[in-house]
Amino acid sequence: MAAEGVLKRFPYEYDETQTYNGHELFLKYQNRFPLLTIVVQGDYGKTVFDDFSNDQVYRIHTYTRQRRVVIRESRVKQDPLTCSFTSYPVDTFYKFCVMKNRNEWTEPMTMRDILNEFSSFPIMVKFSPNCKMVKINDAFDRTEKIQAMLIITEYEENFFTGNCLDNGVIDPGVTLAALSPHIRYAEITGIKGKSPETFHKHLQTLERFLESNDVTFDTCAGNPDATRMSENGTGTGNPVPGMLTTIIPELKKEPPPKLPMRNQPRNPNKERPLPEVPKIHDKPRAVVSPTFVGKKQLSPTWQSDSPGGATSQPNSSDGEYTYLHIDELKKERTTNSVSVRSIRQSSVSQVCQYLRLLGLDEYVGLFKEGLIDGQILVELTADHLADFKMSRLEIVKLMKFIKSGHIPR
């Protein structure tokens, strides 16, 4: 391998005794983003927003605030005393009719327009006559089975928004993450064997890379699906907000029952065996070792930012560290692929950027016209692509990208 392609490895440092679940991390650091973290306890969640593997490095840029509503549903052939609760995003594509009186309904309206026109809750609605099926989580259901729908209230859900790092290389694709109680994070505080100044410059390099690639973060984004709510969560990957448990007692999670008291009195004269002393092993401080590509070392002296323009010597512990330049990071990446998770969460404009990277520029207009975003893209088959008049080679190239994120070198 050429000298310019030598991989410089350095480990991230973090305190494995200071970990937080998604909600705890949000409360502690919401005013300190961006933040570089590592997932110390992953979880295979029910959505793409609460699915993280162990040791995943995740740079949280900021958090989002998604507007959603709670709807109480009553279904046909169901006990009238029982009902279910669903959560819909305010910008859902479903349309609803609002009941004016017993026999009169409005024309189909978006949820956003309903909230703007009808300010007091609850609001009785039904699906638009043209809507025959509704998707809740991953299951489809007929709208005719839903007898009544009552909008109880509007509320807000928060999500992390940022970028994953794969083998030390930051992915420009934006990743949303729910504030899952089952995923635990730790703050990355440094690089083993390097000075704090080096770690600070490394964080600046990541930030400049995102800026140079025009990566933007939608602070209103969130889970776009309608979800079934329960005491275990809203169905989006987030726990139930405290304000909802006050309004809707059915969503309040009951504490586990207490064990009954022992009936037999304890005999003080009976000796109880001491528990076995656990074996304690000295464990090294937890680290992960990402990889960055470095081509050239900086000169041992450089111009200071001070008005006098004086030069200064770098820290002696940084002598072997290769700083990354934005141009080098753009030209040479250790991986030539995009994560499948990022593809699924891509917008229509991001899908069009992927087409250009694959050399499929001539189909950008068709994908824009069809409003094909990441979630629709991953559902496409070879037959669908053939309808776009793609050649066999182009179909193979795009299907390979959909399945594994591969981009030809």
Protein backbone atom coordinates (compact mmCIF):
# COMPACT_ATOMS: atom_id res chain seq x y z
CA MET A 1 0.00 0.00 0.00
CA ALA A 2 1.25 3.46 -0.84
CA ALA A 3 2.41 5.73 1.96
CA GLU A 4 -0.45 8.11 1.26
CA GLY A 5 -2.96 5.35 1.96
CA VAL A 6 -1.56 4.29 5.31
CA LEU A 7 -4.37 4.12 7.86
CA LYS A 8 -3.72 5.97 11.10
CA ARG A 9 -5.58 4.30 13.98
CA PHE A 10 -6.40 6.04 17.24
CA PRO A 11 -8.90 5.00 19.93
CA TYR A 12 -11.71 7.08 21.36
CA GLU A 13 -11.90 7.39 25.15
CA TYR A 14 -15.06 7.42 27.25
CA ASP A 15 -16.14 6.57 30.79
CA GLU A 16 -18.17 3.36 30.76
CA THR A 17 -19.51 4.13 34.26
CA GLN A 18 -21.19 7.33 33.01
CA THR A 19 -23.88 6.12 30.59
CA TYR A 20 -27.36 7.46 29.84
CA ASN A 21 -30.40 6.20 28.00
CA GLY A 22 -31.83 8.35 25.21
CA HIS A 23 -34.17 10.39 27.42
CA GLU A 24 -31.53 10.93 30.13
CA LEU A 25 -28.94 11.99 27.53
CA PHE A 26 -31.40 14.49 26.05
CA LEU A 27 -32.14 16.07 29.44
CA LYS A 28 -28.44 16.34 30.35
CA TYR A 29 -26.93 17.53 27.06
CA GLN A 30 -29.73 19.25 25.08
CA ASN A 31 -28.03 22.63 25.53
CA ARG A 32 -24.54 21.29 24.71
CA PHE A 33 -24.98 19.79 21.24
CA PRO A 34 -23.17 18.87 19.02
CA LEU A 35 -21.90 15.88 21.01
CA LEU A 36 -19.80 12.86 19.99
CA THR A 37 -21.14 9.69 21.63
CA ILE A 38 -20.79 5.93 21.50
CA VAL A 39 -23.58 3.38 21.97
CA VAL A 40 -22.56 1.16 24.90
CA GLN A 41 -25.85 -0.75 24.95
CA GLY A 42 -27.65 -1.17 21.64
CA ASP A 43 -31.15 -2.41 20.99
CA TYR A 44 -32.97 -4.05 18.10
CA GLY A 45 -36.01 -1.80 18.19
CA LYS A 46 -39.32 -2.01 16.36
CA THR A 47 -38.56 1.00 14.12
CA VAL A 48 -35.50 2.32 12.28
CA PHE A 49 -35.39 5.12 14.84
CA ASP A 50 -34.65 2.94 17.89
CA ASP A 51 -32.31 0.43 16.26
CA PHE A 52 -28.62 0.83 17.18
CA SER A 53 -25.81 -1.70 17.53
CA ASN A 54 -23.18 -1.75 20.26
CA ASP A 55 -20.05 0.39 19.73
CA GLN A 56 -21.75 2.57 17.11
CA VAL A 57 -20.17 6.03 17.16
CA TYR A 58 -22.86 8.68 16.70
CA ARG A 59 -22.28 12.43 16.41
CA ILE A 60 -25.45 14.14 17.66
CA HIS A 61 -25.70 17.50 15.92
CA THR A 62 -28.93 18.69 17.54
CA TYR A 63 -32.45 17.48 18.31
CA THR A 64 -35.77 17.80 16.49
CA ARG A 65 -39.25 18.75 17.64
CA GLN A 66 -41.96 16.88 15.76
CA ARG A 67 -45.61 17.86 16.20
CA ARG A 68 -47.99 14.92 16.62
CA VAL A 69 -51.57 14.32 17.77
CA VAL A 70 -53.20 11.58 19.87
CA ILE A 71 -56.34 10.03 18.38
CA ARG A 72 -58.68 7.74 20.31
CA GLU A 73 -60.23 5.09 18.09
CA SER A 74 -63.43 3.12 18.55
CA ARG A 75 -63.84 0.13 16.26
CA VAL A 76 -66.77 -1.79 14.83
CA LYS A 77 -67.76 -4.93 16.80
CA GLN A 78 -65.70 -3.86 19.78
CA ASP A 79 -66.61 -3.37 23.40
CA PRO A 80 -67.70 0.31 23.56
CA LEU A 81 -65.91 0.68 26.89
CA THR A 82 -62.55 -0.21 25.33
CA CYS A 83 -60.63 1.92 22.86
CA SER A 84 -57.13 2.26 21.45
CA PHE A 85 -54.89 5.28 21.03
CA THR A 86 -52.83 6.12 17.96
CA SER A 87 -50.30 8.85 17.25
CA TYR A 88 -50.23 10.72 13.93
CA PRO A 89 -47.69 13.31 12.79
CA VAL A 90 -49.24 16.70 12.07
CA ASP A 91 -47.77 16.61 8.55
CA THR A 92 -49.21 13.12 7.78
CA PHE A 93 -50.39 12.63 4.21
CA TYR A 94 -53.77 11.23 5.37
CA LYS A 95 -56.73 13.55 5.09
CA PHE A 96 -59.72 13.74 7.44
CA CYS A 97 -63.23 15.16 7.57
CA VAL A 98 -64.30 17.06 10.69
CA MET A 99 -67.80 16.55 12.11
CA LYS A 100 -69.72 19.86 12.21
CA ASN A 101 -72.91 18.31 13.58
CA ARG A 102 -74.57 14.89 13.64
CA ASN A 103 -75.16 14.74 9.89
CA GLU A 104 -72.69 17.25 8.45
CA TRP A 105 -68.96 16.85 7.80
CA THR A 106 -66.37 19.16 6.29
CA GLU A 107 -64.51 18.53 3.06
CA PRO A 108 -61.29 16.47 3.42
CA MET A 109 -58.61 18.46 5.23
CA THR A 110 -54.99 17.91 6.23
CA MET A 111 -54.24 17.49 9.91
CA ARG A 112 -52.30 20.76 9.93
CA ASP A 113 -55.31 22.66 8.51
CA ILE A 114 -57.62 21.03 11.06
CA LEU A 115 -55.45 22.19 13.95
CA ASN A 116 -55.26 25.71 12.52
CA GLU A 117 -59.03 26.00 12.06
CA PHE A 118 -60.31 24.09 15.10
CA SER A 119 -58.40 25.19 18.17
CA SER A 120 -60.30 23.43 20.96
CA PHE A 121 -60.03 19.72 21.75
CA PRO A 122 -61.44 17.13 21.40
CA ILE A 123 -62.18 17.11 17.66
CA MET A 124 -64.32 14.38 16.08
CA VAL A 125 -62.97 13.30 12.67
CA LYS A 126 -63.14 10.47 10.15
CA PHE A 127 -60.93 9.46 7.24
CA SER A 128 -61.47 11.01 3.83
CA PRO A 129 -63.90 8.92 1.70
CA ASN A 130 -61.05 8.30 -0.75
CA CYS A 131 -58.92 6.71 1.97
CA LYS A 132 -59.71 2.99 2.15
CA MET A 133 -56.61 1.70 3.97
CA VAL A 134 -54.45 3.06 6.77
CA LYS A 135 -50.98 1.90 7.80
CA ILE A 136 -50.33 1.86 11.55
CA ASN A 137 -46.77 0.85 12.39
CA ASP A 138 -46.12 -1.97 9.90
CA ALA A 139 -49.70 -3.27 9.58
CA PHE A 140 -52.40 -2.16 7.13
CA ASP A 141 -56.04 -1.92 8.18
CA ARG A 142 -59.32 -0.97 6.51
CA THR A 143 -60.63 2.45 7.52
CA GLU A 144 -64.20 1.13 7.49
CA LYS A 145 -63.40 -0.86 10.64
CA ILE A 146 -62.79 2.37 12.56
CA GLN A 147 -66.15 3.61 13.79
CA ALA A 148 -65.12 6.87 15.48
CA MET A 149 -61.94 8.95 15.79
CA LEU A 150 -61.47 11.63 18.42
CA ILE A 151 -58.41 13.93 18.40
CA ILE A 152 -57.57 14.23 22.11
CA THR A 153 -54.63 16.63 22.07
CA GLU A 154 -51.49 17.77 20.27
CA TYR A 155 -48.06 17.06 21.72
CA GLU A 156 -44.38 17.15 20.78
CA GLU A 157 -41.80 14.38 20.36
CA ASN A 158 -38.02 14.84 20.27
CA PHE A 159 -35.48 12.94 18.19
CA PHE A 160 -31.70 13.12 17.95
CA THR A 161 -30.42 14.11 14.51
CA GLY A 162 -26.81 13.59 13.49
CA ASN A 163 -24.38 11.33 11.64
CA CYS A 164 -22.92 7.89 12.25
CA LEU A 165 -19.20 7.17 12.02
CA ASP A 166 -18.14 3.93 10.32
CA ASN A 167 -14.52 2.90 10.88
CA GLY A 168 -13.77 6.49 11.83
CA VAL A 169 -15.29 8.01 8.67
CA ILE A 170 -18.33 10.21 9.18
CA ASP A 171 -21.34 9.39 6.99
CA PRO A 172 -22.86 12.55 5.44
CA GLY A 173 -26.28 10.86 5.49
CA VAL A 174 -28.41 12.26 8.34
CA THR A 175 -29.57 9.70 10.93
CA LEU A 176 -32.56 10.29 13.21
CA ALA A 177 -32.67 8.45 16.54
CA ALA A 178 -35.53 8.21 19.01
CA LEU A 179 -34.94 8.89 22.71
CA SER A 180 -35.21 5.17 23.42
CA PRO A 181 -35.02 4.06 27.07
CA HIS A 182 -33.41 0.80 25.90
CA ILE A 183 -30.33 2.37 24.21
CA ARG A 184 -27.51 3.71 26.38
CA TYR A 185 -24.90 6.24 25.30
CA ALA A 186 -21.61 7.52 26.70
CA GLU A 187 -19.94 10.82 25.87
CA ILE A 188 -16.62 10.50 24.01
CA THR A 189 -14.15 12.71 25.89
CA GLY A 190 -10.87 12.28 24.03
CA ILE A 191 -8.44 10.23 21.98
CA LYS A 192 -6.18 7.84 23.83
CA GLY A 193 -2.60 9.09 23.93
CA LYS A 194 -3.48 12.48 22.43
CA SER A 195 -3.88 15.90 23.97
CA PRO A 196 -7.22 17.69 24.47
CA GLU A 197 -6.18 20.13 21.73
CA THR A 198 -5.89 17.23 19.28
CA PHE A 199 -9.36 15.96 20.18
CA HIS A 200 -10.78 19.47 19.79
CA LYS A 201 -9.23 19.79 16.30
CA HIS A 202 -10.65 16.39 15.41
CA LEU A 203 -14.16 17.56 16.35
CA GLN A 204 -13.66 20.70 14.26
CA THR A 205 -12.61 18.54 11.30
CA LEU A 206 -15.87 16.57 11.50
CA GLU A 207 -17.89 19.77 11.65
CA ARG A 208 -16.10 21.39 8.70
CA PHE A 209 -16.58 18.23 6.64
CA LEU A 210 -20.36 18.40 7.16
CA GLU A 211 -20.40 22.11 6.30
CA SER A 212 -18.35 21.62 3.14
CA ASN A 213 -20.76 18.90 1.98
CA ASP A 214 -23.82 21.12 2.63
CA VAL A 215 -25.30 18.68 5.15
CA THR A 216 -28.44 20.19 6.69
CA PHE A 217 -30.55 19.06 9.63
CA ASP A 218 -34.35 19.36 9.67
CA THR A 219 -35.29 20.33 13.23
CA CYS A 220 -38.96 19.42 12.62
CA ALA A 221 -38.31 15.87 11.39
CA GLY A 222 -39.41 12.67 13.14
CA ASN A 223 -41.12 9.36 12.59
CA PRO A 224 -43.45 9.88 9.58
CA ASP A 225 -45.72 6.91 10.39
CA ALA A 226 -48.95 6.58 12.31
CA THR A 227 -48.19 4.45 15.38
CA ARG A 228 -50.07 2.46 18.01
CA MET A 229 -49.60 3.85 21.53
CA SER A 230 -49.37 1.93 24.80
CA GLU A 231 -47.95 2.36 28.28
CA ASN A 232 -44.61 1.11 26.91
CA GLY A 233 -44.22 3.97 24.41
CA THR A 234 -45.76 6.03 21.62
CA GLY A 235 -44.80 3.48 18.94
CA THR A 236 -42.29 5.87 17.37
CA GLY A 237 -39.41 4.53 19.50
CA ASN A 238 -39.94 7.20 22.17
CA PRO A 239 -41.42 6.76 25.65
CA VAL A 240 -44.79 8.29 26.47
CA PRO A 241 -44.36 11.99 27.45
CA GLY A 242 -45.33 12.78 31.02
CA MET A 243 -47.98 15.31 29.99
CA LEU A 244 -49.90 12.59 28.08
CA THR A 245 -50.08 10.24 31.07
CA THR A 246 -51.87 13.03 32.96
CA ILE A 247 -54.45 13.52 30.19
CA ILE A 248 -54.76 9.84 29.25
CA PRO A 249 -54.42 7.58 32.34
CA GLU A 250 -54.51 4.47 30.15
CA LEU A 251 -51.00 5.34 28.89
CA LYS A 252 -49.50 5.53 32.38
CA LYS A 253 -47.14 2.67 33.12
CA GLU A 254 -47.99 1.03 36.41
CA PRO A 255 -45.11 0.21 38.76
CA PRO A 256 -44.39 -3.50 39.33
CA PRO A 257 -46.40 -5.07 42.17
CA LYS A 258 -44.76 -5.33 45.55
CA LEU A 259 -44.04 -8.78 46.95
CA PRO A 260 -46.19 -9.78 49.93
CA MET A 261 -44.67 -9.74 53.37
CA ARG A 262 -43.28 -12.99 54.76
CA ASN A 263 -45.79 -14.75 56.99
CA GLN A 264 -43.30 -16.72 59.07
CA PRO A 265 -41.26 -14.68 61.55
CA ARG A 266 -37.54 -14.73 61.04
CA ASN A 267 -35.51 -16.84 63.49
CA PRO A 268 -32.69 -14.59 64.79
CA ASN A 269 -30.76 -17.61 66.12
CA LYS A 270 -30.47 -19.27 62.73
CA GLU A 271 -27.21 -18.49 61.03
CA ARG A 272 -27.44 -17.56 57.37
CA PRO A 273 -24.53 -18.41 55.05
CA LEU A 274 -22.58 -15.47 53.72
CA PRO A 275 -22.92 -14.85 49.98
CA GLU A 276 -20.01 -15.82 47.80
CA VAL A 277 -17.57 -12.99 47.18
CA PRO A 278 -17.59 -12.16 43.46
CA LYS A 279 -14.33 -12.27 41.58
CA ILE A 280 -13.30 -8.79 40.46
CA HIS A 281 -11.07 -8.48 37.43
CA ASP A 282 -9.29 -5.32 36.49
CA LYS A 283 -10.81 -4.23 33.23
CA PRO A 284 -9.05 -1.78 30.92
CA ARG A 285 -10.76 1.47 30.13
CA ALA A 286 -13.28 0.96 27.36
CA VAL A 287 -12.20 2.29 23.98
CA VAL A 288 -13.07 1.85 20.34
CA SER A 289 -10.57 2.23 17.53
CA PRO A 290 -11.95 4.01 14.47
CA THR A 291 -9.82 4.61 11.39
CA PHE A 292 -9.14 7.80 9.47
CA VAL A 293 -7.20 8.31 6.27
CA GLY A 294 -4.33 10.75 6.45
CA LYS A 295 -2.08 11.83 3.57
CA LYS A 296 0.19 14.55 4.88
CA GLN A 297 1.32 15.63 8.31
CA LEU A 298 1.11 19.26 9.17
CA SER A 299 4.30 21.21 9.47
CA PRO A 300 5.74 21.17 13.02
CA THR A 301 5.08 24.91 13.16
CA TRP A 302 2.12 26.83 11.90
CA GLN A 303 0.75 30.36 11.97
CA SER A 304 -1.00 31.30 15.16
CA ASP A 305 -4.44 32.89 15.16
CA SER A 306 -3.08 35.67 17.39
CA PRO A 307 -2.82 39.19 15.92
CA GLY A 308 0.99 39.03 15.99
CA GLY A 309 1.03 35.96 13.74
CA ALA A 310 3.58 34.20 16.00
CA THR A 311 4.29 30.53 15.53
CA SER A 312 3.92 27.83 18.16
CA GLN A 313 5.06 24.25 18.63
CA PRO A 314 2.47 21.44 18.67
CA ASN A 315 2.12 19.25 21.77
CA SER A 316 4.79 16.56 21.92
CA SER A 317 2.13 13.86 22.25
CA ASP A 318 0.74 14.87 18.84
CA GLY A 319 3.96 14.21 16.90
CA GLU A 320 2.64 11.03 15.22
CA TYR A 321 -0.91 12.25 14.63
CA THR A 322 -1.89 12.99 11.05
CA TYR A 323 -4.39 15.82 10.83
CA LEU A 324 -7.16 15.52 8.26
CA HIS A 325 -7.74 18.12 5.59
CA ILE A 326 -11.23 18.62 4.23
CA ASP A 327 -10.09 18.19 0.63
CA GLU A 328 -8.36 14.90 1.49
CA LEU A 329 -11.40 13.59 3.32
CA LYS A 330 -13.57 14.38 0.32
CA LYS A 331 -11.18 12.76 -2.16
CA GLU A 332 -10.33 9.57 -0.30
CA ARG A 333 -12.66 7.63 1.95
CA THR A 334 -11.87 4.27 3.56
CA THR A 335 -15.28 3.05 2.55
CA ASN A 336 -17.11 3.59 -0.71
CA SER A 337 -20.64 2.97 0.44
CA VAL A 338 -23.64 4.48 2.21
CA SER A 339 -25.33 2.79 5.17
CA VAL A 340 -28.66 1.13 4.40
CA ARG A 341 -30.13 2.94 7.41
CA SER A 342 -29.24 6.31 5.85
CA ILE A 343 -30.76 5.27 2.51
CA ARG A 344 -34.09 4.45 4.16
CA GLN A 345 -34.23 7.84 5.89
CA SER A 346 -33.22 9.84 2.79
CA SER A 347 -35.37 12.61 1.34
CA VAL A 348 -36.27 12.93 -2.35
CA SER A 349 -33.39 15.36 -2.95
CA GLN A 350 -30.91 13.03 -1.24
CA VAL A 351 -32.10 10.09 -3.39
CA CYS A 352 -31.44 12.24 -6.45
CA GLN A 353 -27.90 12.92 -5.17
CA TYR A 354 -27.34 9.16 -4.89
CA LEU A 355 -28.48 8.73 -8.50
CA ARG A 356 -25.87 11.24 -9.63
CA LEU A 357 -23.16 9.40 -7.67
CA LEU A 358 -24.21 6.19 -9.45
CA GLY A 359 -24.04 7.87 -12.87
CA LEU A 360 -27.84 7.71 -13.31
CA ASP A 361 -28.38 11.44 -13.85
CA GLU A 362 -30.93 10.94 -16.62
CA TYR A 363 -33.43 9.43 -14.16
CA VAL A 364 -33.27 12.25 -11.61
CA GLY A 365 -36.27 14.01 -13.12
CA LEU A 366 -38.41 10.84 -13.05
CA PHE A 367 -37.58 10.18 -9.39
CA LYS A 368 -38.38 13.81 -8.46
CA GLU A 369 -41.67 13.66 -10.34
CA GLY A 370 -42.58 10.38 -8.61
CA LEU A 371 -41.62 11.76 -5.15
CA ILE A 372 -39.41 8.74 -4.51
CA ASP A 373 -37.74 9.12 -1.13
CA GLY A 374 -35.63 6.60 0.80
CA GLN A 375 -38.52 4.54 2.18
CA ILE A 376 -40.03 4.13 -1.29
CA LEU A 377 -36.62 3.49 -2.89
CA VAL A 378 -35.89 0.43 -0.72
CA GLU A 379 -39.24 -1.10 -1.78
CA LEU A 380 -38.46 -0.89 -5.52
CA THR A 381 -37.81 -4.12 -7.43
CA ALA A 382 -36.07 -4.83 -10.73
CA ASP A 383 -39.49 -4.86 -12.46
CA HIS A 384 -40.23 -1.37 -11.15
CA LEU A 385 -36.88 -0.09 -12.40
CA ALA A 386 -37.48 -1.65 -15.82
CA ASP A 387 -40.57 0.57 -16.11
CA PHE A 388 -38.17 3.56 -15.97
CA LYS A 389 -36.53 2.19 -19.18
CA MET A 390 -33.31 1.38 -17.32
CA SER A 391 -30.80 -0.96 -18.91
CA ARG A 392 -29.94 -4.26 -17.21
CA LEU A 393 -26.58 -2.90 -16.04
CA GLU A 394 -28.22 0.20 -14.56
CA ILE A 395 -30.77 -1.97 -12.74
CA VAL A 396 -27.99 -4.12 -11.27
CA LYS A 397 -26.09 -1.00 -10.17
CA LEU A 398 -29.11 0.58 -8.43
CA MET A 399 -30.29 -2.70 -6.82
CA LYS A 400 -26.79 -3.25 -5.42
CA PHE A 401 -26.88 0.26 -3.93
CA ILE A 402 -30.35 -0.32 -2.40
CA LYS A 403 -29.34 -3.60 -0.77
CA SER A 404 -25.84 -2.72 0.51
CA GLY A 405 -25.25 1.01 -0.13
CA HIS A 406 -22.45 0.22 -2.63
CA ILE A 407 -21.22 3.08 -4.81
CA PRO A 408 -18.81 2.11 -7.65
CA ARG A 409 -15.28 3.52 -7.26
